[in-house]
Amino acid sequence: MNKINALIGKTKKPESISKEDFYALVNEAVYKPLESSNALCVCICRRCGSCGEVPKEYVEGLIRTMLVMGQRPTLNLNDKKEMRMHYFITGTCENCHQKGEEVSVQLKQIDFTV
């Protein structure tokens, strides 16, 4: 067995995070300034807590998923200020997705007055 197969065999899906930990993560992630110049907003996985800044191409994929699910988000992806006022929550992500699991995407608006 080579090193790559040994490593792949040793990895496992991340554990689910608690509701309290998730909300703390949201508060931490959405209010801090974006670091990447090509990032439009933040996306957070509800199940495992993976989060990160996402570029336009990733946002387009999230919106396509929402359209398939019957949701009609109205965002101007070319308006960085408008996009910064929002974040996405996914029910699962590439890190923790289990085969056969239902995919979900929510778009949330950030309240910067808090």
N, C-alpha and C. Protein backbone atom coordinates (compact mmCIF):
# COMPACT_ATOMS: atom_id res chain seq x y z
N MET A 1 0.85 -1.17 0.00
CA MET A 1 0.00 0.00 0.00
C MET A 1 0.90 1.24 0.00
N ASN A 2 0.60 2.19 -0.89
CA ASN A 2 1.43 3.39 -0.93
C ASN A 2 0.94 4.41 0.10
N LYS A 3 1.70 5.48 0.26
CA LYS A 3 1.39 6.48 1.29
C LYS A 3 0.04 7.15 1.06
N ILE A 4 -0.33 7.41 -0.20
CA ILE A 4 -1.60 8.07 -0.49
C ILE A 4 -2.76 7.19 -0.05
N ASN A 5 -2.74 5.92 -0.40
CA ASN A 5 -3.81 5.02 0.02
C ASN A 5 -3.87 4.90 1.53
N ALA A 6 -2.73 4.91 2.18
CA ALA A 6 -2.72 4.82 3.64
C ALA A 6 -3.35 6.06 4.26
N LEU A 7 -3.07 7.23 3.69
CA LEU A 7 -3.66 8.46 4.21
C LEU A 7 -5.15 8.51 3.97
N ILE A 8 -5.57 8.15 2.77
CA ILE A 8 -7.00 8.18 2.45
C ILE A 8 -7.77 7.23 3.36
N GLY A 9 -7.21 6.08 3.63
CA GLY A 9 -7.87 5.14 4.51
C GLY A 9 -7.97 5.63 5.94
N LYS A 10 -7.15 6.58 6.34
CA LYS A 10 -7.13 7.08 7.72
C LYS A 10 -8.04 8.30 7.93
N THR A 11 -8.51 8.92 6.85
CA THR A 11 -9.34 10.12 7.01
C THR A 11 -10.77 9.72 7.34
N LYS A 12 -11.46 10.60 8.04
CA LYS A 12 -12.86 10.34 8.33
C LYS A 12 -13.62 11.66 8.27
N LYS A 13 -14.91 11.56 8.13
CA LYS A 13 -15.76 12.74 8.03
C LYS A 13 -15.72 13.51 9.35
N PRO A 14 -15.76 14.85 9.28
CA PRO A 14 -15.77 15.63 10.52
C PRO A 14 -17.07 15.42 11.29
N GLU A 15 -16.99 15.58 12.58
CA GLU A 15 -18.16 15.44 13.45
C GLU A 15 -19.12 16.62 13.26
N SER A 16 -20.38 16.43 13.59
CA SER A 16 -21.35 17.51 13.56
C SER A 16 -21.07 18.46 14.72
N ILE A 17 -21.39 19.74 14.52
CA ILE A 17 -21.19 20.70 15.60
C ILE A 17 -22.54 21.01 16.25
N SER A 18 -22.49 21.46 17.47
CA SER A 18 -23.72 21.79 18.20
C SER A 18 -24.33 23.08 17.67
N LYS A 19 -25.58 23.29 18.00
CA LYS A 19 -26.28 24.51 17.61
C LYS A 19 -25.58 25.74 18.18
N GLU A 20 -25.14 25.66 19.42
CA GLU A 20 -24.46 26.79 20.05
C GLU A 20 -23.14 27.11 19.36
N ASP A 21 -22.37 26.06 19.06
CA ASP A 21 -21.10 26.25 18.36
C ASP A 21 -21.32 26.82 16.96
N PHE A 22 -22.39 26.36 16.30
CA PHE A 22 -22.68 26.86 14.96
C PHE A 22 -22.99 28.35 15.00
N TYR A 23 -23.85 28.78 15.91
CA TYR A 23 -24.21 30.20 15.99
C TYR A 23 -23.02 31.07 16.40
N ALA A 24 -22.15 30.54 17.23
CA ALA A 24 -20.93 31.27 17.59
C ALA A 24 -20.03 31.41 16.37
N LEU A 25 -19.94 30.35 15.58
CA LEU A 25 -19.14 30.39 14.36
C LEU A 25 -19.71 31.39 13.37
N VAL A 26 -21.02 31.41 13.20
CA VAL A 26 -21.66 32.38 12.30
C VAL A 26 -21.31 33.79 12.74
N ASN A 27 -21.48 34.09 14.02
CA ASN A 27 -21.18 35.44 14.52
C ASN A 27 -19.72 35.82 14.31
N GLU A 28 -18.85 34.86 14.44
CA GLU A 28 -17.42 35.13 14.24
C GLU A 28 -17.09 35.31 12.76
N ALA A 29 -17.64 34.45 11.91
CA ALA A 29 -17.25 34.43 10.50
C ALA A 29 -17.85 35.55 9.66
N VAL A 30 -19.11 35.88 9.89
CA VAL A 30 -19.76 36.82 8.97
C VAL A 30 -19.41 38.28 9.23
N TYR A 31 -18.98 38.61 10.42
CA TYR A 31 -18.71 40.01 10.74
C TYR A 31 -17.27 40.44 10.51
N LYS A 32 -16.38 39.50 10.35
CA LYS A 32 -14.99 39.91 10.14
C LYS A 32 -14.79 40.26 8.66
N PRO A 33 -13.86 41.16 8.38
CA PRO A 33 -13.63 41.58 6.98
C PRO A 33 -13.15 40.41 6.12
N LEU A 34 -13.56 40.43 4.86
CA LEU A 34 -13.09 39.41 3.93
C LEU A 34 -11.61 39.66 3.63
N GLU A 35 -10.85 38.61 3.56
CA GLU A 35 -9.41 38.74 3.32
C GLU A 35 -9.04 38.61 1.85
N SER A 36 -9.74 37.78 1.12
CA SER A 36 -9.42 37.55 -0.29
C SER A 36 -10.08 38.61 -1.16
N SER A 37 -9.33 39.14 -2.10
CA SER A 37 -9.87 40.18 -2.98
C SER A 37 -10.94 39.66 -3.94
N ASN A 38 -10.95 38.35 -4.22
CA ASN A 38 -11.97 37.82 -5.12
C ASN A 38 -13.16 37.19 -4.38
N ALA A 39 -13.17 37.25 -3.07
CA ALA A 39 -14.29 36.70 -2.28
C ALA A 39 -15.47 37.66 -2.31
N LEU A 40 -16.67 37.09 -2.44
CA LEU A 40 -17.89 37.89 -2.40
C LEU A 40 -18.57 37.84 -1.05
N CYS A 41 -18.50 36.67 -0.40
CA CYS A 41 -19.18 36.50 0.88
C CYS A 41 -18.63 35.24 1.56
N VAL A 42 -19.33 34.81 2.60
CA VAL A 42 -18.91 33.65 3.38
C VAL A 42 -19.95 32.55 3.22
N CYS A 43 -19.49 31.31 3.22
CA CYS A 43 -20.37 30.14 3.20
C CYS A 43 -20.00 29.26 4.39
N ILE A 44 -21.02 28.80 5.12
CA ILE A 44 -20.80 28.00 6.33
C ILE A 44 -21.63 26.72 6.24
N CYS A 45 -21.01 25.60 6.58
CA CYS A 45 -21.72 24.32 6.62
C CYS A 45 -22.39 24.15 7.98
N ARG A 46 -23.67 23.92 7.98
CA ARG A 46 -24.44 23.76 9.22
C ARG A 46 -24.05 22.48 9.96
N ARG A 47 -23.67 21.47 9.23
CA ARG A 47 -23.39 20.20 9.86
C ARG A 47 -22.02 20.17 10.56
N CYS A 48 -20.95 20.49 9.82
CA CYS A 48 -19.62 20.32 10.41
C CYS A 48 -18.94 21.63 10.78
N GLY A 49 -19.48 22.76 10.33
CA GLY A 49 -18.89 24.05 10.68
C GLY A 49 -17.79 24.52 9.76
N SER A 50 -17.54 23.79 8.66
CA SER A 50 -16.56 24.28 7.70
C SER A 50 -17.05 25.62 7.16
N CYS A 51 -16.17 26.58 7.10
CA CYS A 51 -16.59 27.87 6.57
C CYS A 51 -15.43 28.51 5.83
N GLY A 52 -15.79 29.41 4.95
CA GLY A 52 -14.76 30.11 4.22
C GLY A 52 -15.34 31.16 3.31
N GLU A 53 -14.45 31.99 2.82
CA GLU A 53 -14.82 33.01 1.86
C GLU A 53 -14.99 32.34 0.50
N VAL A 54 -16.00 32.80 -0.25
CA VAL A 54 -16.28 32.16 -1.53
C VAL A 54 -16.27 33.18 -2.67
N PRO A 55 -15.71 32.77 -3.82
CA PRO A 55 -15.67 33.64 -4.99
C PRO A 55 -16.98 33.57 -5.78
N LYS A 56 -17.08 34.39 -6.79
CA LYS A 56 -18.29 34.49 -7.61
C LYS A 56 -18.70 33.13 -8.19
N GLU A 57 -17.75 32.36 -8.69
CA GLU A 57 -18.07 31.06 -9.30
C GLU A 57 -18.74 30.12 -8.31
N TYR A 58 -18.29 30.13 -7.08
CA TYR A 58 -18.88 29.27 -6.04
C TYR A 58 -20.29 29.75 -5.70
N VAL A 59 -20.45 31.07 -5.60
CA VAL A 59 -21.77 31.64 -5.32
C VAL A 59 -22.75 31.28 -6.44
N GLU A 60 -22.29 31.33 -7.67
CA GLU A 60 -23.15 30.96 -8.80
C GLU A 60 -23.64 29.52 -8.65
N GLY A 61 -22.77 28.63 -8.22
CA GLY A 61 -23.16 27.24 -7.98
C GLY A 61 -24.18 27.10 -6.86
N LEU A 62 -23.99 27.86 -5.79
CA LEU A 62 -24.96 27.84 -4.68
C LEU A 62 -26.33 28.35 -5.16
N ILE A 63 -26.31 29.39 -5.96
CA ILE A 63 -27.57 29.94 -6.47
C ILE A 63 -28.25 28.95 -7.41
N ARG A 64 -27.48 28.26 -8.25
CA ARG A 64 -28.08 27.24 -9.12
C ARG A 64 -28.74 26.15 -8.28
N THR A 65 -28.10 25.75 -7.20
CA THR A 65 -28.68 24.75 -6.30
C THR A 65 -29.99 25.27 -5.71
N MET A 66 -30.00 26.53 -5.30
CA MET A 66 -31.21 27.12 -4.74
C MET A 66 -32.33 27.15 -5.78
N LEU A 67 -32.01 27.46 -7.02
CA LEU A 67 -33.02 27.49 -8.09
C LEU A 67 -33.62 26.11 -8.31
N VAL A 68 -32.78 25.07 -8.29
CA VAL A 68 -33.27 23.70 -8.43
C VAL A 68 -34.22 23.36 -7.29
N MET A 69 -33.95 23.91 -6.10
CA MET A 69 -34.78 23.64 -4.92
C MET A 69 -36.02 24.52 -4.88
N GLY A 70 -36.22 25.36 -5.92
CA GLY A 70 -37.42 26.20 -5.98
C GLY A 70 -37.27 27.55 -5.29
N GLN A 71 -36.07 27.89 -4.84
CA GLN A 71 -35.83 29.18 -4.22
C GLN A 71 -35.35 30.15 -5.29
N ARG A 72 -35.75 31.40 -5.20
CA ARG A 72 -35.40 32.40 -6.20
C ARG A 72 -34.64 33.57 -5.57
N PRO A 73 -33.38 33.38 -5.24
CA PRO A 73 -32.62 34.50 -4.66
C PRO A 73 -32.40 35.60 -5.69
N THR A 74 -32.53 36.83 -5.25
CA THR A 74 -32.29 37.96 -6.15
C THR A 74 -31.09 38.73 -5.62
N LEU A 75 -29.96 38.44 -6.21
CA LEU A 75 -28.71 39.09 -5.83
C LEU A 75 -28.00 39.59 -7.07
N ASN A 76 -27.32 40.70 -6.94
CA ASN A 76 -26.48 41.19 -8.01
C ASN A 76 -25.05 40.76 -7.69
N LEU A 77 -24.60 39.71 -8.36
CA LEU A 77 -23.28 39.16 -8.07
C LEU A 77 -22.15 40.11 -8.43
N ASN A 78 -22.45 41.13 -9.21
CA ASN A 78 -21.43 42.10 -9.59
C ASN A 78 -21.32 43.25 -8.59
N ASP A 79 -22.21 43.27 -7.60
CA ASP A 79 -22.20 44.32 -6.59
C ASP A 79 -21.59 43.76 -5.30
N LYS A 80 -20.29 44.01 -5.11
CA LYS A 80 -19.59 43.44 -3.95
C LYS A 80 -20.18 43.92 -2.62
N LYS A 81 -20.67 45.15 -2.57
CA LYS A 81 -21.27 45.65 -1.33
C LYS A 81 -22.54 44.88 -0.99
N GLU A 82 -23.37 44.65 -1.99
CA GLU A 82 -24.60 43.88 -1.76
C GLU A 82 -24.26 42.45 -1.34
N MET A 83 -23.31 41.84 -2.02
CA MET A 83 -22.94 40.47 -1.69
C MET A 83 -22.36 40.37 -0.27
N ARG A 84 -21.64 41.39 0.15
CA ARG A 84 -21.04 41.39 1.49
C ARG A 84 -22.10 41.44 2.58
N MET A 85 -23.30 41.85 2.22
CA MET A 85 -24.41 41.93 3.18
C MET A 85 -25.11 40.57 3.36
N HIS A 86 -24.57 39.53 2.73
CA HIS A 86 -25.20 38.21 2.77
C HIS A 86 -24.17 37.12 3.06
N TYR A 87 -24.68 35.98 3.49
CA TYR A 87 -23.86 34.78 3.64
C TYR A 87 -24.73 33.57 3.35
N PHE A 88 -24.10 32.46 3.05
CA PHE A 88 -24.80 31.22 2.74
C PHE A 88 -24.58 30.20 3.84
N ILE A 89 -25.61 29.40 4.08
CA ILE A 89 -25.51 28.25 4.97
C ILE A 89 -25.89 27.03 4.14
N THR A 90 -25.02 26.02 4.16
CA THR A 90 -25.34 24.76 3.49
C THR A 90 -25.62 23.71 4.56
N GLY A 91 -26.47 22.75 4.24
CA GLY A 91 -26.80 21.70 5.19
C GLY A 91 -25.71 20.68 5.34
N THR A 92 -24.87 20.60 4.34
CA THR A 92 -23.74 19.68 4.32
C THR A 92 -22.71 20.25 3.34
N CYS A 93 -21.52 19.73 3.34
CA CYS A 93 -20.48 20.26 2.44
C CYS A 93 -19.64 19.12 1.89
N GLU A 94 -18.64 19.47 1.11
CA GLU A 94 -17.75 18.46 0.53
C GLU A 94 -17.00 17.68 1.60
N ASN A 95 -16.79 18.30 2.75
CA ASN A 95 -16.04 17.64 3.83
C ASN A 95 -16.87 16.60 4.57
N CYS A 96 -18.16 16.86 4.74
CA CYS A 96 -18.96 15.98 5.61
C CYS A 96 -20.12 15.30 4.89
N HIS A 97 -20.28 15.53 3.61
CA HIS A 97 -21.42 14.98 2.86
C HIS A 97 -21.45 13.46 2.89
N GLN A 98 -22.62 12.93 3.16
CA GLN A 98 -22.84 11.49 3.14
C GLN A 98 -23.67 11.15 1.90
N LYS A 99 -23.38 10.05 1.27
CA LYS A 99 -24.11 9.63 0.07
C LYS A 99 -25.60 9.53 0.37
N GLY A 100 -26.41 10.09 -0.53
CA GLY A 100 -27.86 10.02 -0.38
C GLY A 100 -28.45 11.13 0.46
N GLU A 101 -27.61 11.98 1.00
CA GLU A 101 -28.09 13.08 1.83
C GLU A 101 -28.71 14.18 1.00
N GLU A 102 -29.75 14.79 1.53
CA GLU A 102 -30.39 15.90 0.85
C GLU A 102 -29.52 17.16 0.97
N VAL A 103 -29.40 17.87 -0.12
CA VAL A 103 -28.61 19.10 -0.15
C VAL A 103 -29.52 20.28 0.18
N SER A 104 -29.02 21.21 0.98
CA SER A 104 -29.80 22.41 1.27
C SER A 104 -28.88 23.62 1.28
N VAL A 105 -29.41 24.75 0.81
CA VAL A 105 -28.68 26.00 0.78
C VAL A 105 -29.63 27.10 1.23
N GLN A 106 -29.17 27.93 2.14
CA GLN A 106 -29.95 29.08 2.60
C GLN A 106 -29.12 30.34 2.40
N LEU A 107 -29.79 31.40 2.01
CA LEU A 107 -29.16 32.70 1.89
C LEU A 107 -29.64 33.55 3.06
N LYS A 108 -28.71 34.13 3.79
CA LYS A 108 -29.05 34.94 4.96
C LYS A 108 -28.48 36.34 4.77
N GLN A 109 -29.17 37.31 5.33
CA GLN A 109 -28.68 38.68 5.30
C GLN A 109 -28.01 39.00 6.62
N ILE A 110 -26.91 39.74 6.56
CA ILE A 110 -26.15 40.11 7.75
C ILE A 110 -26.68 41.43 8.29
N ASP A 111 -26.90 41.46 9.58
CA ASP A 111 -27.33 42.68 10.24
C ASP A 111 -26.09 43.36 10.84
N PHE A 112 -25.55 44.34 10.12
CA PHE A 112 -24.34 45.01 10.57
C PHE A 112 -24.62 46.06 11.64
N THR A 113 -25.89 46.21 12.05
CA THR A 113 -26.21 47.18 13.10
C THR A 113 -26.03 46.59 14.48
N VAL A 114 -25.79 45.29 14.54
CA VAL A 114 -25.66 44.61 15.84
C VAL A 114 -24.35 44.99 16.49
